[in-house]
Amino acid sequence: MVSVTRMVLDVLKPHQPNALDFSQAIAEVDSDYYVHLTVLEVDESTETVEIVLEAKNIDFDAVQLAISDMGGSVHSIDEVEVHNDSDIR
């Protein structure tokens, strides 16, 4: 099985929820999610943030839905790490 273990996302979000609440909501998508959020740019009504997400198996669709539910949008996937733990012979 191929698992996504790390992603770096470029996200545009409104000022509210704040960075802490936004990060916590993403971390709540699954029990082993580690989220690191950096605010890169702030304008009058939005913030551009970089989100580094690490887990055993990231569900990108669920993460994208959580971001969307908070009024954000994923601009790009800037990095991704995957792991193939299949027993291939």
PDB file of N, CA and C in Angstrom:
ATOM      1  N   MET A   1       0.830  -1.173   0.000  1.00  0.00           N
ATOM      2  CA  MET A   1       0.000   0.000   0.000  1.00  0.00           C
ATOM      3  C   MET A   1       0.880   1.244   0.000  1.00  0.00           C
ATOM      4  N   VAL A   2       0.532   2.218  -0.808  1.00  0.00           N
ATOM      5  CA  VAL A   2       1.259   3.480  -0.860  1.00  0.00           C
ATOM      6  C   VAL A   2       0.568   4.476   0.059  1.00  0.00           C
ATOM      7  N   SER A   3       1.337   5.055   0.961  1.00  0.00           N
ATOM      8  CA  SER A   3       0.805   6.010   1.930  1.00  0.00           C
ATOM      9  C   SER A   3       1.456   7.372   1.727  1.00  0.00           C
ATOM     10  N   VAL A   4       0.653   8.424   1.825  1.00  0.00           N
ATOM     11  CA  VAL A   4       1.173   9.790   1.811  1.00  0.00           C
ATOM     12  C   VAL A   4       1.532  10.128   3.252  1.00  0.00           C
ATOM     13  N   THR A   5       2.803  10.420   3.503  1.00  0.00           N
ATOM     14  CA  THR A   5       3.261  10.639   4.873  1.00  0.00           C
ATOM     15  C   THR A   5       3.573  12.098   5.197  1.00  0.00           C
ATOM     16  N   ARG A   6       3.743  12.919   4.151  1.00  0.00           N
ATOM     17  CA  ARG A   6       4.050  14.335   4.392  1.00  0.00           C
ATOM     18  C   ARG A   6       3.585  15.145   3.198  1.00  0.00           C
ATOM     19  N   MET A   7       2.995  16.300   3.483  1.00  0.00           N
ATOM     20  CA  MET A   7       2.567  17.232   2.434  1.00  0.00           C
ATOM     21  C   MET A   7       2.859  18.651   2.882  1.00  0.00           C
ATOM     22  N   VAL A   8       3.221  19.494   1.921  1.00  0.00           N
ATOM     23  CA  VAL A   8       3.352  20.920   2.162  1.00  0.00           C
ATOM     24  C   VAL A   8       2.347  21.599   1.238  1.00  0.00           C
ATOM     25  N   LEU A   9       1.413  22.317   1.834  1.00  0.00           N
ATOM     26  CA  LEU A   9       0.325  22.946   1.096  1.00  0.00           C
ATOM     27  C   LEU A   9       0.422  24.463   1.165  1.00  0.00           C
ATOM     28  N   ASP A  10       0.136  25.117   0.050  1.00  0.00           N
ATOM     29  CA  ASP A  10      -0.004  26.564  -0.007  1.00  0.00           C
ATOM     30  C   ASP A  10      -1.502  26.839   0.043  1.00  0.00           C
ATOM     31  N   VAL A  11      -1.946  27.536   1.086  1.00  0.00           N
ATOM     32  CA  VAL A  11      -3.374  27.714   1.345  1.00  0.00           C
ATOM     33  C   VAL A  11      -3.698  29.192   1.520  1.00  0.00           C
ATOM     34  N   LEU A  12      -4.824  29.597   0.944  1.00  0.00           N
ATOM     35  CA  LEU A  12      -5.368  30.929   1.184  1.00  0.00           C
ATOM     36  C   LEU A  12      -6.535  30.781   2.146  1.00  0.00           C
ATOM     37  N   LYS A  13      -6.527  31.524   3.259  1.00  0.00           N
ATOM     38  CA  LYS A  13      -7.571  31.416   4.270  1.00  0.00           C
ATOM     39  C   LYS A  13      -8.038  32.797   4.709  1.00  0.00           C
ATOM     40  N   PRO A  14      -9.271  32.895   5.189  1.00  0.00           N
ATOM     41  CA  PRO A  14      -9.714  34.169   5.772  1.00  0.00           C
ATOM     42  C   PRO A  14      -9.003  34.390   7.117  1.00  0.00           C
ATOM     43  N   HIS A  15      -9.075  35.609   7.645  1.00  0.00           N
ATOM     44  CA  HIS A  15      -8.436  35.893   8.937  1.00  0.00           C
ATOM     45  C   HIS A  15      -9.033  35.045  10.063  1.00  0.00           C
ATOM     46  N   GLN A  16     -10.320  34.759   9.969  1.00  0.00           N
ATOM     47  CA  GLN A  16     -10.965  33.915  10.979  1.00  0.00           C
ATOM     48  C   GLN A  16     -11.481  32.658  10.308  1.00  0.00           C
ATOM     49  N   PRO A  17     -11.203  31.478  10.833  1.00  0.00           N
ATOM     50  CA  PRO A  17     -10.559  31.236  12.119  1.00  0.00           C
ATOM     51  C   PRO A  17      -9.066  31.590  12.086  1.00  0.00           C
ATOM     52  N   ASN A  18      -8.554  31.891  13.277  1.00  0.00           N
ATOM     53  CA  ASN A  18      -7.140  32.249  13.374  1.00  0.00           C
ATOM     54  C   ASN A  18      -6.265  31.019  13.108  1.00  0.00           C
ATOM     55  N   ALA A  19      -4.959  31.236  13.034  1.00  0.00           N
ATOM     56  CA  ALA A  19      -4.026  30.167  12.678  1.00  0.00           C
ATOM     57  C   ALA A  19      -4.098  28.979  13.644  1.00  0.00           C
ATOM     58  N   LEU A  20      -4.264  29.243  14.927  1.00  0.00           N
ATOM     59  CA  LEU A  20      -4.346  28.167  15.911  1.00  0.00           C
ATOM     60  C   LEU A  20      -5.585  27.299  15.677  1.00  0.00           C
ATOM     61  N   ASP A  21      -6.744  27.935  15.563  1.00  0.00           N
ATOM     62  CA  ASP A  21      -7.977  27.180  15.343  1.00  0.00           C
ATOM     63  C   ASP A  21      -7.963  26.457  14.002  1.00  0.00           C
ATOM     64  N   PHE A  22      -7.405  27.098  12.983  1.00  0.00           N
ATOM     65  CA  PHE A  22      -7.311  26.494  11.654  1.00  0.00           C
ATOM     66  C   PHE A  22      -6.449  25.229  11.710  1.00  0.00           C
ATOM     67  N   SER A  23      -5.300  25.322  12.372  1.00  0.00           N
ATOM     68  CA  SER A  23      -4.392  24.178  12.513  1.00  0.00           C
ATOM     69  C   SER A  23      -5.034  23.048  13.309  1.00  0.00           C
ATOM     70  N   GLN A  24      -5.711  23.398  14.387  1.00  0.00           N
ATOM     71  CA  GLN A  24      -6.346  22.370  15.215  1.00  0.00           C
ATOM     72  C   GLN A  24      -7.442  21.643  14.445  1.00  0.00           C
ATOM     73  N   ALA A  25      -8.204  22.361  13.643  1.00  0.00           N
ATOM     74  CA  ALA A  25      -9.264  21.719  12.861  1.00  0.00           C
ATOM     75  C   ALA A  25      -8.679  20.745  11.848  1.00  0.00           C
ATOM     76  N   ILE A  26      -7.555  21.073  11.256  1.00  0.00           N
ATOM     77  CA  ILE A  26      -6.903  20.151  10.320  1.00  0.00           C
ATOM     78  C   ILE A  26      -6.354  18.945  11.076  1.00  0.00           C
ATOM     79  N   ALA A  27      -5.752  19.181  12.239  1.00  0.00           N
ATOM     80  CA  ALA A  27      -5.205  18.074  13.035  1.00  0.00           C
ATOM     81  C   ALA A  27      -6.293  17.115  13.487  1.00  0.00           C
ATOM     82  N   GLU A  28      -7.506  17.613  13.653  1.00  0.00           N
ATOM     83  CA  GLU A  28      -8.615  16.762  14.091  1.00  0.00           C
ATOM     84  C   GLU A  28      -9.147  15.843  12.990  1.00  0.00           C
ATOM     85  N   VAL A  29      -8.670  16.009  11.757  1.00  0.00           N
ATOM     86  CA  VAL A  29      -9.111  15.132  10.665  1.00  0.00           C
ATOM     87  C   VAL A  29      -8.769  13.677  10.977  1.00  0.00           C
ATOM     88  N   ASP A  30      -7.613  13.451  11.600  1.00  0.00           N
ATOM     89  CA  ASP A  30      -7.221  12.089  12.001  1.00  0.00           C
ATOM     90  C   ASP A  30      -6.367  12.182  13.256  1.00  0.00           C
ATOM     91  N   SER A  31      -6.338  11.099  14.000  1.00  0.00           N
ATOM     92  CA  SER A  31      -5.724  11.118  15.327  1.00  0.00           C
ATOM     93  C   SER A  31      -4.199  11.264  15.324  1.00  0.00           C
ATOM     94  N   ASP A  32      -3.525  10.960  14.212  1.00  0.00           N
ATOM     95  CA  ASP A  32      -2.058  11.046  14.236  1.00  0.00           C
ATOM     96  C   ASP A  32      -1.515  12.188  13.379  1.00  0.00           C
ATOM     97  N   TYR A  33      -2.357  13.156  13.029  1.00  0.00           N
ATOM     98  CA  TYR A  33      -1.921  14.264  12.182  1.00  0.00           C
ATOM     99  C   TYR A  33      -1.085  15.263  12.978  1.00  0.00           C
ATOM    100  N   TYR A  34       0.053  15.619  12.402  1.00  0.00           N
ATOM    101  CA  TYR A  34       0.914  16.675  12.933  1.00  0.00           C
ATOM    102  C   TYR A  34       0.824  17.835  11.950  1.00  0.00           C
ATOM    103  N   VAL A  35       0.499  19.030  12.425  1.00  0.00           N
ATOM    104  CA  VAL A  35       0.304  20.193  11.562  1.00  0.00           C
ATOM    105  C   VAL A  35       1.247  21.309  11.993  1.00  0.00           C
ATOM    106  N   HIS A  36       1.957  21.861  11.026  1.00  0.00           N
ATOM    107  CA  HIS A  36       2.805  23.031  11.251  1.00  0.00           C
ATOM    108  C   HIS A  36       2.339  24.097  10.269  1.00  0.00           C
ATOM    109  N   LEU A  37       1.845  25.225  10.764  1.00  0.00           N
ATOM    110  CA  LEU A  37       1.324  26.298   9.919  1.00  0.00           C
ATOM    111  C   LEU A  37       2.202  27.529  10.059  1.00  0.00           C
ATOM    112  N   THR A  38       2.570  28.110   8.928  1.00  0.00           N
ATOM    113  CA  THR A  38       3.336  29.350   8.891  1.00  0.00           C
ATOM    114  C   THR A  38       2.556  30.377   8.075  1.00  0.00           C
ATOM    115  N   VAL A  39       2.336  31.553   8.652  1.00  0.00           N
ATOM    116  CA  VAL A  39       1.688  32.638   7.921  1.00  0.00           C
ATOM    117  C   VAL A  39       2.760  33.302   7.056  1.00  0.00           C
ATOM    118  N   LEU A  40       2.516  33.315   5.737  1.00  0.00           N
ATOM    119  CA  LEU A  40       3.483  33.876   4.802  1.00  0.00           C
ATOM    120  C   LEU A  40       3.152  35.303   4.390  1.00  0.00           C
ATOM    121  N   GLU A  41       1.848  35.600   4.287  1.00  0.00           N
ATOM    122  CA  GLU A  41       1.426  36.907   3.810  1.00  0.00           C
ATOM    123  C   GLU A  41       0.045  37.234   4.362  1.00  0.00           C
ATOM    124  N   VAL A  42      -0.161  38.487   4.697  1.00  0.00           N
ATOM    125  CA  VAL A  42      -1.446  38.941   5.213  1.00  0.00           C
ATOM    126  C   VAL A  42      -1.887  40.137   4.382  1.00  0.00           C
ATOM    127  N   ASP A  43      -3.153  40.104   3.938  1.00  0.00           N
ATOM    128  CA  ASP A  43      -3.700  41.296   3.299  1.00  0.00           C
ATOM    129  C   ASP A  43      -4.971  41.703   4.029  1.00  0.00           C
ATOM    130  N   GLU A  44      -5.769  42.524   3.439  1.00  0.00           N
ATOM    131  CA  GLU A  44      -6.918  43.102   4.127  1.00  0.00           C
ATOM    132  C   GLU A  44      -7.925  42.062   4.615  1.00  0.00           C
ATOM    133  N   SER A  45      -8.149  41.001   3.834  1.00  0.00           N
ATOM    134  CA  SER A  45      -9.183  40.034   4.215  1.00  0.00           C
ATOM    135  C   SER A  45      -8.720  38.584   4.238  1.00  0.00           C
ATOM    136  N   THR A  46      -7.492  38.306   3.798  1.00  0.00           N
ATOM    137  CA  THR A  46      -7.033  36.912   3.745  1.00  0.00           C
ATOM    138  C   THR A  46      -5.593  36.775   4.229  1.00  0.00           C
ATOM    139  N   GLU A  47      -5.211  35.533   4.425  1.00  0.00           N
ATOM    140  CA  GLU A  47      -3.833  35.185   4.785  1.00  0.00           C
ATOM    141  C   GLU A  47      -3.386  34.052   3.880  1.00  0.00           C
ATOM    142  N   THR A  48      -2.163  34.125   3.402  1.00  0.00           N
ATOM    143  CA  THR A  48      -1.548  33.014   2.696  1.00  0.00           C
ATOM    144  C   THR A  48      -0.717  32.262   3.719  1.00  0.00           C
ATOM    145  N   VAL A  49      -0.959  30.966   3.839  1.00  0.00           N
ATOM    146  CA  VAL A  49      -0.254  30.164   4.831  1.00  0.00           C
ATOM    147  C   VAL A  49       0.360  28.941   4.170  1.00  0.00           C
ATOM    148  N   GLU A  50       1.434  28.478   4.766  1.00  0.00           N
ATOM    149  CA  GLU A  50       2.045  27.214   4.379  1.00  0.00           C
ATOM    150  C   GLU A  50       1.714  26.212   5.470  1.00  0.00           C
ATOM    151  N   ILE A  51       1.172  25.076   5.070  1.00  0.00           N
ATOM    152  CA  ILE A  51       0.819  24.033   6.028  1.00  0.00           C
ATOM    153  C   ILE A  51       1.659  22.800   5.737  1.00  0.00           C
ATOM    154  N   VAL A  52       2.433  22.389   6.732  1.00  0.00           N
ATOM    155  CA  VAL A  52       3.177  21.137   6.643  1.00  0.00           C
ATOM    156  C   VAL A  52       2.388  20.122   7.449  1.00  0.00           C
ATOM    157  N   LEU A  53       2.008  19.042   6.791  1.00  0.00           N
ATOM    158  CA  LEU A  53       1.167  18.014   7.399  1.00  0.00           C
ATOM    159  C   LEU A  53       1.910  16.691   7.352  1.00  0.00           C
ATOM    160  N   GLU A  54       2.023  16.027   8.507  1.00  0.00           N
ATOM    161  CA  GLU A  54       2.691  14.731   8.582  1.00  0.00           C
ATOM    162  C   GLU A  54       1.788  13.745   9.296  1.00  0.00           C
ATOM    163  N   ALA A  55       1.781  12.493   8.806  1.00  0.00           N
ATOM    164  CA  ALA A  55       0.982  11.425   9.406  1.00  0.00           C
ATOM    165  C   ALA A  55       1.391  10.104   8.780  1.00  0.00           C
ATOM    166  N   LYS A  56       0.856   9.024   9.307  1.00  0.00           N
ATOM    167  CA  LYS A  56       1.133   7.707   8.721  1.00  0.00           C
ATOM    168  C   LYS A  56       0.498   7.559   7.351  1.00  0.00           C
ATOM    169  N   ASN A  57      -0.687   8.134   7.175  1.00  0.00           N
ATOM    170  CA  ASN A  57      -1.375   8.071   5.890  1.00  0.00           C
ATOM    171  C   ASN A  57      -2.346   9.248   5.797  1.00  0.00           C
ATOM    172  N   ILE A  58      -1.954  10.285   5.085  1.00  0.00           N
ATOM    173  CA  ILE A  58      -2.755  11.499   4.984  1.00  0.00           C
ATOM    174  C   ILE A  58      -3.898  11.290   3.990  1.00  0.00           C
ATOM    175  N   ASP A  59      -5.084  11.660   4.413  1.00  0.00           N
ATOM    176  CA  ASP A  59      -6.260  11.634   3.543  1.00  0.00           C
ATOM    177  C   ASP A  59      -6.428  13.048   2.986  1.00  0.00           C
ATOM    178  N   PHE A  60      -5.871  13.285   1.791  1.00  0.00           N
ATOM    179  CA  PHE A  60      -5.874  14.633   1.226  1.00  0.00           C
ATOM    180  C   PHE A  60      -7.290  15.160   1.018  1.00  0.00           C
ATOM    181  N   ASP A  61      -8.200  14.320   0.561  1.00  0.00           N
ATOM    182  CA  ASP A  61      -9.571  14.776   0.331  1.00  0.00           C
ATOM    183  C   ASP A  61     -10.211  15.280   1.627  1.00  0.00           C
ATOM    184  N   ALA A  62      -9.980  14.571   2.730  1.00  0.00           N
ATOM    185  CA  ALA A  62     -10.538  14.987   4.018  1.00  0.00           C
ATOM    186  C   ALA A  62      -9.889  16.285   4.501  1.00  0.00           C
ATOM    187  N   VAL A  63      -8.599  16.422   4.289  1.00  0.00           N
ATOM    188  CA  VAL A  63      -7.891  17.657   4.670  1.00  0.00           C
ATOM    189  C   VAL A  63      -8.407  18.825   3.840  1.00  0.00           C
ATOM    190  N   GLN A  64      -8.552  18.613   2.546  1.00  0.00           N
ATOM    191  CA  GLN A  64      -9.049  19.671   1.663  1.00  0.00           C
ATOM    192  C   GLN A  64     -10.472  20.088   2.052  1.00  0.00           C
ATOM    193  N   LEU A  65     -11.303  19.115   2.441  1.00  0.00           N
ATOM    194  CA  LEU A  65     -12.663  19.417   2.884  1.00  0.00           C
ATOM    195  C   LEU A  65     -12.643  20.249   4.168  1.00  0.00           C
ATOM    196  N   ALA A  66     -11.775  19.903   5.115  1.00  0.00           N
ATOM    197  CA  ALA A  66     -11.667  20.659   6.367  1.00  0.00           C
ATOM    198  C   ALA A  66     -11.241  22.097   6.079  1.00  0.00           C
ATOM    199  N   ILE A  67     -10.289  22.272   5.182  1.00  0.00           N
ATOM    200  CA  ILE A  67      -9.831  23.616   4.810  1.00  0.00           C
ATOM    201  C   ILE A  67     -10.969  24.402   4.160  1.00  0.00           C
ATOM    202  N   SER A  68     -11.668  23.755   3.253  1.00  0.00           N
ATOM    203  CA  SER A  68     -12.788  24.390   2.559  1.00  0.00           C
ATOM    204  C   SER A  68     -13.912  24.774   3.514  1.00  0.00           C
ATOM    205  N   ASP A  69     -14.201  23.894   4.480  1.00  0.00           N
ATOM    206  CA  ASP A  69     -15.253  24.168   5.465  1.00  0.00           C
ATOM    207  C   ASP A  69     -14.955  25.401   6.313  1.00  0.00           C
ATOM    208  N   MET A  70     -13.670  25.766   6.420  1.00  0.00           N
ATOM    209  CA  MET A  70     -13.289  26.951   7.186  1.00  0.00           C
ATOM    210  C   MET A  70     -13.106  28.176   6.298  1.00  0.00           C
ATOM    211  N   GLY A  71     -13.480  28.051   5.031  1.00  0.00           N
ATOM    212  CA  GLY A  71     -13.399  29.181   4.112  1.00  0.00           C
ATOM    213  C   GLY A  71     -12.077  29.311   3.381  1.00  0.00           C
ATOM    214  N   GLY A  72     -11.209  28.318   3.500  1.00  0.00           N
ATOM    215  CA  GLY A  72      -9.914  28.359   2.836  1.00  0.00           C
ATOM    216  C   GLY A  72      -9.918  27.598   1.524  1.00  0.00           C
ATOM    217  N   SER A  73      -8.828  27.735   0.793  1.00  0.00           N
ATOM    218  CA  SER A  73      -8.671  26.981  -0.447  1.00  0.00           C
ATOM    219  C   SER A  73      -7.206  26.608  -0.636  1.00  0.00           C
ATOM    220  N   VAL A  74      -6.985  25.398  -1.127  1.00  0.00           N
ATOM    221  CA  VAL A  74      -5.630  24.927  -1.398  1.00  0.00           C
ATOM    222  C   VAL A  74      -5.206  25.491  -2.748  1.00  0.00           C
ATOM    223  N   HIS A  75      -4.142  26.286  -2.752  1.00  0.00           N
ATOM    224  CA  HIS A  75      -3.617  26.831  -4.005  1.00  0.00           C
ATOM    225  C   HIS A  75      -2.717  25.839  -4.702  1.00  0.00           C
ATOM    226  N   SER A  76      -1.905  25.125  -3.921  1.00  0.00           N
ATOM    227  CA  SER A  76      -1.001  24.156  -4.531  1.00  0.00           C
ATOM    228  C   SER A  76      -0.488  23.174  -3.491  1.00  0.00           C
ATOM    229  N   ILE A  77      -0.066  22.031  -3.998  1.00  0.00           N
ATOM    230  CA  ILE A  77       0.677  21.060  -3.197  1.00  0.00           C
ATOM    231  C   ILE A  77       2.139  21.289  -3.570  1.00  0.00           C
ATOM    232  N   ASP A  78       2.906  21.834  -2.626  1.00  0.00           N
ATOM    233  CA  ASP A  78       4.282  22.221  -2.927  1.00  0.00           C
ATOM    234  C   ASP A  78       5.293  21.109  -2.697  1.00  0.00           C
ATOM    235  N   GLU A  79       4.992  20.189  -1.803  1.00  0.00           N
ATOM    236  CA  GLU A  79       5.848  19.025  -1.559  1.00  0.00           C
ATOM    237  C   GLU A  79       4.964  17.858  -1.163  1.00  0.00           C
ATOM    238  N   VAL A  80       5.426  16.660  -1.464  1.00  0.00           N
ATOM    239  CA  VAL A  80       4.719  15.465  -1.028  1.00  0.00           C
ATOM    240  C   VAL A  80       5.734  14.337  -0.829  1.00  0.00           C
ATOM    241  N   GLU A  81       5.526  13.561   0.220  1.00  0.00           N
ATOM    242  CA  GLU A  81       6.330  12.356   0.449  1.00  0.00           C
ATOM    243  C   GLU A  81       5.376  11.182   0.542  1.00  0.00           C
ATOM    244  N   VAL A  82       5.727  10.108  -0.135  1.00  0.00           N
ATOM    245  CA  VAL A  82       4.920   8.895  -0.086  1.00  0.00           C
ATOM    246  C   VAL A  82       5.806   7.727   0.300  1.00  0.00           C
ATOM    247  N   HIS A  83       5.181   6.716   0.849  1.00  0.00           N
ATOM    248  CA  HIS A  83       5.903   5.519   1.283  1.00  0.00           C
ATOM    249  C   HIS A  83       5.153   4.299   0.756  1.00  0.00           C
ATOM    250  N   ASN A  84       5.864   3.407   0.095  1.00  0.00           N
ATOM    251  CA  ASN A  84       5.273   2.163  -0.390  1.00  0.00           C
ATOM    252  C   ASN A  84       5.691   1.059   0.563  1.00  0.00           C
ATOM    253  N   ASP A  85       4.727   0.577   1.355  1.00  0.00           N
ATOM    254  CA  ASP A  85       5.049  -0.486   2.316  1.00  0.00           C
ATOM    255  C   ASP A  85       4.514  -1.839   1.852  1.00  0.00           C
ATOM    256  N   SER A  86       4.257  -1.964   0.545  1.00  0.00           N
ATOM    257  CA  SER A  86       3.795  -3.243  -0.002  1.00  0.00           C
ATOM    258  C   SER A  86       4.949  -4.248   0.009  1.00  0.00           C
ATOM    259  N   ASP A  87       4.588  -5.475   0.130  1.00  0.00           N
ATOM    260  CA  ASP A  87       5.573  -6.559   0.078  1.00  0.00           C
ATOM    261  C   ASP A  87       5.633  -7.041  -1.368  1.00  0.00           C
ATOM    262  N   ILE A  88       6.466  -6.366  -2.167  1.00  0.00           N
ATOM    263  CA  ILE A  88       6.595  -6.682  -3.583  1.00  0.00           C
ATOM    264  C   ILE A  88       7.781  -7.627  -3.769  1.00  0.00           C
ATOM    265  N   ARG A  89       7.519  -8.702  -4.490  1.00  0.00           N
ATOM    266  CA  ARG A  89       8.596  -9.684  -4.721  1.00  0.00           C
ATOM    267  C   ARG A  89       8.799  -9.907  -6.171  1.00  0.00           C
TER     268      ARG A  89
END
